[in-house]
Amino acid sequence: MCLSVILLDMECYGCGMTRACQHLIHADVRAAYEFNPLAFIVLPVLAWLWGTGIWRTHRKFQLVRAS
């Protein structure tokens, strides 16, 4: 449960985000939009951040191995 729903009886901007991202990963666009339309922005940004983190870590290990 979301604390915002419990205390204020209102959904926050993050409500349904996990389920929406899961539906987007499985290409169920309609269900993702129904859970949370912001997932169309959040998921690509998270994927980009994750990818750049992996790339930077990979580059660090390459530099360590080369020296």
PDB file of N, CA and C in Angstrom:
ATOM      1  N   MET A   1       0.830  -1.191   0.000  1.00  0.00           N
ATOM      2  CA  MET A   1       0.000   0.000   0.000  1.00  0.00           C
ATOM      3  C   MET A   1       0.868   1.246   0.000  1.00  0.00           C
ATOM      4  N   CYS A   2       0.373   2.255  -0.608  1.00  0.00           N
ATOM      5  CA  CYS A   2       1.059   3.536  -0.672  1.00  0.00           C
ATOM      6  C   CYS A   2       0.694   4.360   0.563  1.00  0.00           C
ATOM      7  N   LEU A   3       1.681   4.985   1.149  1.00  0.00           N
ATOM      8  CA  LEU A   3       1.452   5.808   2.330  1.00  0.00           C
ATOM      9  C   LEU A   3       0.513   6.976   2.017  1.00  0.00           C
ATOM     10  N   SER A   4       0.603   7.493   0.801  1.00  0.00           N
ATOM     11  CA  SER A   4      -0.278   8.582   0.390  1.00  0.00           C
ATOM     12  C   SER A   4      -1.737   8.127   0.367  1.00  0.00           C
ATOM     13  N   VAL A   5      -1.978   6.915  -0.083  1.00  0.00           N
ATOM     14  CA  VAL A   5      -3.335   6.382  -0.119  1.00  0.00           C
ATOM     15  C   VAL A   5      -3.841   6.127   1.296  1.00  0.00           C
ATOM     16  N   ILE A   6      -2.981   5.610   2.148  1.00  0.00           N
ATOM     17  CA  ILE A   6      -3.386   5.301   3.521  1.00  0.00           C
ATOM     18  C   ILE A   6      -3.713   6.568   4.303  1.00  0.00           C
ATOM     19  N   LEU A   7      -2.836   7.564   4.236  1.00  0.00           N
ATOM     20  CA  LEU A   7      -3.006   8.756   5.056  1.00  0.00           C
ATOM     21  C   LEU A   7      -3.924   9.809   4.439  1.00  0.00           C
ATOM     22  N   LEU A   8      -3.809  10.033   3.130  1.00  0.00           N
ATOM     23  CA  LEU A   8      -4.527  11.128   2.490  1.00  0.00           C
ATOM     24  C   LEU A   8      -5.675  10.677   1.592  1.00  0.00           C
ATOM     25  N   ASP A   9      -5.789   9.365   1.376  1.00  0.00           N
ATOM     26  CA  ASP A   9      -6.806   8.804   0.489  1.00  0.00           C
ATOM     27  C   ASP A   9      -6.671   9.363  -0.926  1.00  0.00           C
ATOM     28  N   MET A  10      -5.400   9.594  -1.353  1.00  0.00           N
ATOM     29  CA  MET A  10      -5.093  10.080  -2.707  1.00  0.00           C
ATOM     30  C   MET A  10      -3.929   9.270  -3.271  1.00  0.00           C
ATOM     31  N   GLU A  11      -3.997   8.987  -4.563  1.00  0.00           N
ATOM     32  CA  GLU A  11      -2.878   8.290  -5.188  1.00  0.00           C
ATOM     33  C   GLU A  11      -1.764   9.289  -5.493  1.00  0.00           C
ATOM     34  N   CYS A  12      -0.517   8.865  -5.295  1.00  0.00           N
ATOM     35  CA  CYS A  12       0.629   9.714  -5.618  1.00  0.00           C
ATOM     36  C   CYS A  12       1.045   9.452  -7.072  1.00  0.00           C
ATOM     37  N   TYR A  13       2.060  10.173  -7.537  1.00  0.00           N
ATOM     38  CA  TYR A  13       2.512   9.998  -8.920  1.00  0.00           C
ATOM     39  C   TYR A  13       3.173   8.640  -9.155  1.00  0.00           C
ATOM     40  N   GLY A  14       3.625   8.001  -8.099  1.00  0.00           N
ATOM     41  CA  GLY A  14       4.304   6.724  -8.244  1.00  0.00           C
ATOM     42  C   GLY A  14       3.392   5.515  -8.128  1.00  0.00           C
ATOM     43  N   CYS A  15       2.140   5.733  -7.773  1.00  0.00           N
ATOM     44  CA  CYS A  15       1.217   4.606  -7.609  1.00  0.00           C
ATOM     45  C   CYS A  15       1.058   3.842  -8.923  1.00  0.00           C
ATOM     46  N   GLY A  16       1.301   2.544  -8.886  1.00  0.00           N
ATOM     47  CA  GLY A  16       1.170   1.695 -10.064  1.00  0.00           C
ATOM     48  C   GLY A  16       2.386   1.696 -10.968  1.00  0.00           C
ATOM     49  N   MET A  17       3.457   2.378 -10.565  1.00  0.00           N
ATOM     50  CA  MET A  17       4.625   2.500 -11.431  1.00  0.00           C
ATOM     51  C   MET A  17       5.288   1.141 -11.684  1.00  0.00           C
ATOM     52  N   THR A  18       5.438   0.337 -10.649  1.00  0.00           N
ATOM     53  CA  THR A  18       6.086  -0.968 -10.820  1.00  0.00           C
ATOM     54  C   THR A  18       5.287  -1.843 -11.774  1.00  0.00           C
ATOM     55  N   ARG A  19       3.984  -1.913 -11.568  1.00  0.00           N
ATOM     56  CA  ARG A  19       3.147  -2.731 -12.447  1.00  0.00           C
ATOM     57  C   ARG A  19       3.138  -2.176 -13.869  1.00  0.00           C
ATOM     58  N   ALA A  20       3.132  -0.847 -13.999  1.00  0.00           N
ATOM     59  CA  ALA A  20       3.151  -0.245 -15.332  1.00  0.00           C
ATOM     60  C   ALA A  20       4.453  -0.570 -16.061  1.00  0.00           C
ATOM     61  N   CYS A  21       5.577  -0.485 -15.360  1.00  0.00           N
ATOM     62  CA  CYS A  21       6.865  -0.815 -15.977  1.00  0.00           C
ATOM     63  C   CYS A  21       6.933  -2.286 -16.363  1.00  0.00           C
ATOM     64  N   GLN A  22       6.383  -3.150 -15.535  1.00  0.00           N
ATOM     65  CA  GLN A  22       6.360  -4.572 -15.873  1.00  0.00           C
ATOM     66  C   GLN A  22       5.527  -4.820 -17.128  1.00  0.00           C
ATOM     67  N   HIS A  23       4.398  -4.144 -17.241  1.00  0.00           N
ATOM     68  CA  HIS A  23       3.572  -4.305 -18.438  1.00  0.00           C
ATOM     69  C   HIS A  23       4.284  -3.733 -19.666  1.00  0.00           C
ATOM     70  N   LEU A  24       5.003  -2.632 -19.506  1.00  0.00           N
ATOM     71  CA  LEU A  24       5.750  -2.075 -20.631  1.00  0.00           C
ATOM     72  C   LEU A  24       6.849  -3.026 -21.095  1.00  0.00           C
ATOM     73  N   ILE A  25       7.533  -3.649 -20.149  1.00  0.00           N
ATOM     74  CA  ILE A  25       8.581  -4.609 -20.506  1.00  0.00           C
ATOM     75  C   ILE A  25       8.004  -5.755 -21.326  1.00  0.00           C
ATOM     76  N   HIS A  26       6.765  -6.131 -21.023  1.00  0.00           N
ATOM     77  CA  HIS A  26       6.099  -7.212 -21.750  1.00  0.00           C
ATOM     78  C   HIS A  26       5.281  -6.694 -22.933  1.00  0.00           C
ATOM     79  N   ALA A  27       5.468  -5.417 -23.289  1.00  0.00           N
ATOM     80  CA  ALA A  27       4.845  -4.777 -24.450  1.00  0.00           C
ATOM     81  C   ALA A  27       3.326  -4.692 -24.352  1.00  0.00           C
ATOM     82  N   ASP A  28       2.802  -4.647 -23.154  1.00  0.00           N
ATOM     83  CA  ASP A  28       1.367  -4.453 -22.946  1.00  0.00           C
ATOM     84  C   ASP A  28       1.137  -2.967 -22.668  1.00  0.00           C
ATOM     85  N   VAL A  29       1.101  -2.192 -23.735  1.00  0.00           N
ATOM     86  CA  VAL A  29       1.088  -0.736 -23.638  1.00  0.00           C
ATOM     87  C   VAL A  29      -0.201  -0.226 -22.997  1.00  0.00           C
ATOM     88  N   ARG A  30      -1.309  -0.796 -23.345  1.00  0.00           N
ATOM     89  CA  ARG A  30      -2.592  -0.323 -22.815  1.00  0.00           C
ATOM     90  C   ARG A  30      -2.665  -0.502 -21.296  1.00  0.00           C
ATOM     91  N   ALA A  31      -2.289  -1.662 -20.802  1.00  0.00           N
ATOM     92  CA  ALA A  31      -2.312  -1.896 -19.356  1.00  0.00           C
ATOM     93  C   ALA A  31      -1.303  -0.998 -18.645  1.00  0.00           C
ATOM     94  N   ALA A  32      -0.155  -0.793 -19.253  1.00  0.00           N
ATOM     95  CA  ALA A  32       0.854   0.082 -18.650  1.00  0.00           C
ATOM     96  C   ALA A  32       0.312   1.495 -18.518  1.00  0.00           C
ATOM     97  N   TYR A  33      -0.359   1.981 -19.544  1.00  0.00           N
ATOM     98  CA  TYR A  33      -0.923   3.327 -19.501  1.00  0.00           C
ATOM     99  C   TYR A  33      -2.017   3.433 -18.440  1.00  0.00           C
ATOM    100  N   GLU A  34      -2.793   2.381 -18.284  1.00  0.00           N
ATOM    101  CA  GLU A  34      -3.862   2.403 -17.280  1.00  0.00           C
ATOM    102  C   GLU A  34      -3.301   2.421 -15.863  1.00  0.00           C
ATOM    103  N   PHE A  35      -2.201   1.723 -15.631  1.00  0.00           N
ATOM    104  CA  PHE A  35      -1.603   1.725 -14.294  1.00  0.00           C
ATOM    105  C   PHE A  35      -0.938   3.057 -13.986  1.00  0.00           C
ATOM    106  N   ASN A  36      -0.102   3.564 -14.908  1.00  0.00           N
ATOM    107  CA  ASN A  36       0.563   4.841 -14.675  1.00  0.00           C
ATOM    108  C   ASN A  36       1.178   5.334 -15.986  1.00  0.00           C
ATOM    109  N   PRO A  37       0.653   6.418 -16.552  1.00  0.00           N
ATOM    110  CA  PRO A  37       1.178   6.933 -17.818  1.00  0.00           C
ATOM    111  C   PRO A  37       2.627   7.430 -17.725  1.00  0.00           C
ATOM    112  N   LEU A  38       3.089   7.778 -16.534  1.00  0.00           N
ATOM    113  CA  LEU A  38       4.465   8.255 -16.389  1.00  0.00           C
ATOM    114  C   LEU A  38       5.499   7.155 -16.620  1.00  0.00           C
ATOM    115  N   ALA A  39       5.072   5.921 -16.660  1.00  0.00           N
ATOM    116  CA  ALA A  39       5.995   4.810 -16.900  1.00  0.00           C
ATOM    117  C   ALA A  39       6.659   4.933 -18.270  1.00  0.00           C
ATOM    118  N   PHE A  40       5.995   5.606 -19.215  1.00  0.00           N
ATOM    119  CA  PHE A  40       6.566   5.776 -20.555  1.00  0.00           C
ATOM    120  C   PHE A  40       7.768   6.711 -20.528  1.00  0.00           C
ATOM    121  N   ILE A  41       7.898   7.487 -19.486  1.00  0.00           N
ATOM    122  CA  ILE A  41       9.058   8.361 -19.303  1.00  0.00           C
ATOM    123  C   ILE A  41      10.061   7.699 -18.363  1.00  0.00           C
ATOM    124  N   VAL A  42       9.557   7.127 -17.282  1.00  0.00           N
ATOM    125  CA  VAL A  42      10.422   6.589 -16.230  1.00  0.00           C
ATOM    126  C   VAL A  42      11.211   5.375 -16.702  1.00  0.00           C
ATOM    127  N   LEU A  43      10.578   4.444 -17.383  1.00  0.00           N
ATOM    128  CA  LEU A  43      11.270   3.213 -17.794  1.00  0.00           C
ATOM    129  C   LEU A  43      12.439   3.477 -18.733  1.00  0.00           C
ATOM    130  N   PRO A  44      12.295   4.293 -19.789  1.00  0.00           N
ATOM    131  CA  PRO A  44      13.469   4.570 -20.637  1.00  0.00           C
ATOM    132  C   PRO A  44      14.594   5.293 -19.889  1.00  0.00           C
ATOM    133  N   VAL A  45      14.229   6.210 -18.995  1.00  0.00           N
ATOM    134  CA  VAL A  45      15.264   6.916 -18.222  1.00  0.00           C
ATOM    135  C   VAL A  45      16.001   5.938 -17.316  1.00  0.00           C
ATOM    136  N   LEU A  46      15.267   5.058 -16.644  1.00  0.00           N
ATOM    137  CA  LEU A  46      15.914   4.057 -15.789  1.00  0.00           C
ATOM    138  C   LEU A  46      16.793   3.112 -16.601  1.00  0.00           C
ATOM    139  N   ALA A  47      16.319   2.715 -17.765  1.00  0.00           N
ATOM    140  CA  ALA A  47      17.119   1.828 -18.627  1.00  0.00           C
ATOM    141  C   ALA A  47      18.400   2.524 -19.067  1.00  0.00           C
ATOM    142  N   TRP A  48      18.310   3.801 -19.415  1.00  0.00           N
ATOM    143  CA  TRP A  48      19.502   4.558 -19.812  1.00  0.00           C
ATOM    144  C   TRP A  48      20.479   4.687 -18.651  1.00  0.00           C
ATOM    145  N   LEU A  49      19.978   5.005 -17.458  1.00  0.00           N
ATOM    146  CA  LEU A  49      20.851   5.113 -16.286  1.00  0.00           C
ATOM    147  C   LEU A  49      21.514   3.783 -15.970  1.00  0.00           C
ATOM    148  N   TRP A  50      20.755   2.705 -16.043  1.00  0.00           N
ATOM    149  CA  TRP A  50      21.294   1.379 -15.787  1.00  0.00           C
ATOM    150  C   TRP A  50      22.373   1.036 -16.815  1.00  0.00           C
ATOM    151  N   GLY A  51      22.087   1.322 -18.084  1.00  0.00           N
ATOM    152  CA  GLY A  51      23.049   1.028 -19.147  1.00  0.00           C
ATOM    153  C   GLY A  51      24.336   1.833 -19.012  1.00  0.00           C
ATOM    154  N   THR A  52      24.227   3.120 -18.693  1.00  0.00           N
ATOM    155  CA  THR A  52      25.438   3.920 -18.524  1.00  0.00           C
ATOM    156  C   THR A  52      26.234   3.479 -17.305  1.00  0.00           C
ATOM    157  N   GLY A  53      25.554   3.045 -16.259  1.00  0.00           N
ATOM    158  CA  GLY A  53      26.257   2.525 -15.080  1.00  0.00           C
ATOM    159  C   GLY A  53      27.044   1.269 -15.407  1.00  0.00           C
ATOM    160  N   ILE A  54      26.430   0.385 -16.161  1.00  0.00           N
ATOM    161  CA  ILE A  54      27.124  -0.844 -16.573  1.00  0.00           C
ATOM    162  C   ILE A  54      28.301  -0.494 -17.478  1.00  0.00           C
ATOM    163  N   TRP A  55      28.100   0.433 -18.408  1.00  0.00           N
ATOM    164  CA  TRP A  55      29.169   0.822 -19.322  1.00  0.00           C
ATOM    165  C   TRP A  55      30.353   1.420 -18.568  1.00  0.00           C
ATOM    166  N   ARG A  56      30.083   2.296 -17.604  1.00  0.00           N
ATOM    167  CA  ARG A  56      31.160   2.912 -16.825  1.00  0.00           C
ATOM    168  C   ARG A  56      31.912   1.875 -16.004  1.00  0.00           C
ATOM    169  N   THR A  57      31.186   0.952 -15.403  1.00  0.00           N
ATOM    170  CA  THR A  57      31.833  -0.108 -14.627  1.00  0.00           C
ATOM    171  C   THR A  57      32.692  -0.985 -15.523  1.00  0.00           C
ATOM    172  N   HIS A  58      32.190  -1.295 -16.697  1.00  0.00           N
ATOM    173  CA  HIS A  58      32.943  -2.100 -17.660  1.00  0.00           C
ATOM    174  C   HIS A  58      34.237  -1.391 -18.074  1.00  0.00           C
ATOM    175  N   ARG A  59      34.132  -0.091 -18.329  1.00  0.00           N
ATOM    176  CA  ARG A  59      35.312   0.686 -18.714  1.00  0.00           C
ATOM    177  C   ARG A  59      36.348   0.728 -17.592  1.00  0.00           C
ATOM    178  N   LYS A  60      35.890   0.854 -16.335  1.00  0.00           N
ATOM    179  CA  LYS A  60      36.813   0.863 -15.204  1.00  0.00           C
ATOM    180  C   LYS A  60      37.570  -0.452 -15.117  1.00  0.00           C
ATOM    181  N   PHE A  61      36.859  -1.563 -15.283  1.00  0.00           N
ATOM    182  CA  PHE A  61      37.522  -2.862 -15.215  1.00  0.00           C
ATOM    183  C   PHE A  61      38.476  -3.071 -16.382  1.00  0.00           C
ATOM    184  N   GLN A  62      38.151  -2.521 -17.543  1.00  0.00           N
ATOM    185  CA  GLN A  62      39.081  -2.614 -18.670  1.00  0.00           C
ATOM    186  C   GLN A  62      40.358  -1.846 -18.379  1.00  0.00           C
ATOM    187  N   LEU A  63      40.227  -0.655 -17.779  1.00  0.00           N
ATOM    188  CA  LEU A  63      41.422   0.137 -17.447  1.00  0.00           C
ATOM    189  C   LEU A  63      42.262  -0.557 -16.382  1.00  0.00           C
ATOM    190  N   VAL A  64      41.624  -1.195 -15.419  1.00  0.00           N
ATOM    191  CA  VAL A  64      42.351  -1.895 -14.358  1.00  0.00           C
ATOM    192  C   VAL A  64      43.098  -3.100 -14.956  1.00  0.00           C
ATOM    193  N   ARG A  65      42.432  -3.839 -15.835  1.00  0.00           N
ATOM    194  CA  ARG A  65      43.065  -5.017 -16.462  1.00  0.00           C
ATOM    195  C   ARG A  65      44.210  -4.605 -17.361  1.00  0.00           C
ATOM    196  N   ALA A  66      44.116  -3.444 -18.016  1.00  0.00           N
ATOM    197  CA  ALA A  66      45.146  -3.002 -18.954  1.00  0.00           C
ATOM    198  C   ALA A  66      46.408  -2.545 -18.241  1.00  0.00           C
ATOM    199  N   SER A  67      46.266  -2.110 -17.000  1.00  0.00           N
ATOM    200  CA  SER A  67      47.479  -1.616 -16.296  1.00  0.00           C
ATOM    201  C   SER A  67      48.144  -2.665 -15.462  1.00  0.00           C
TER     202      SER A  67
END
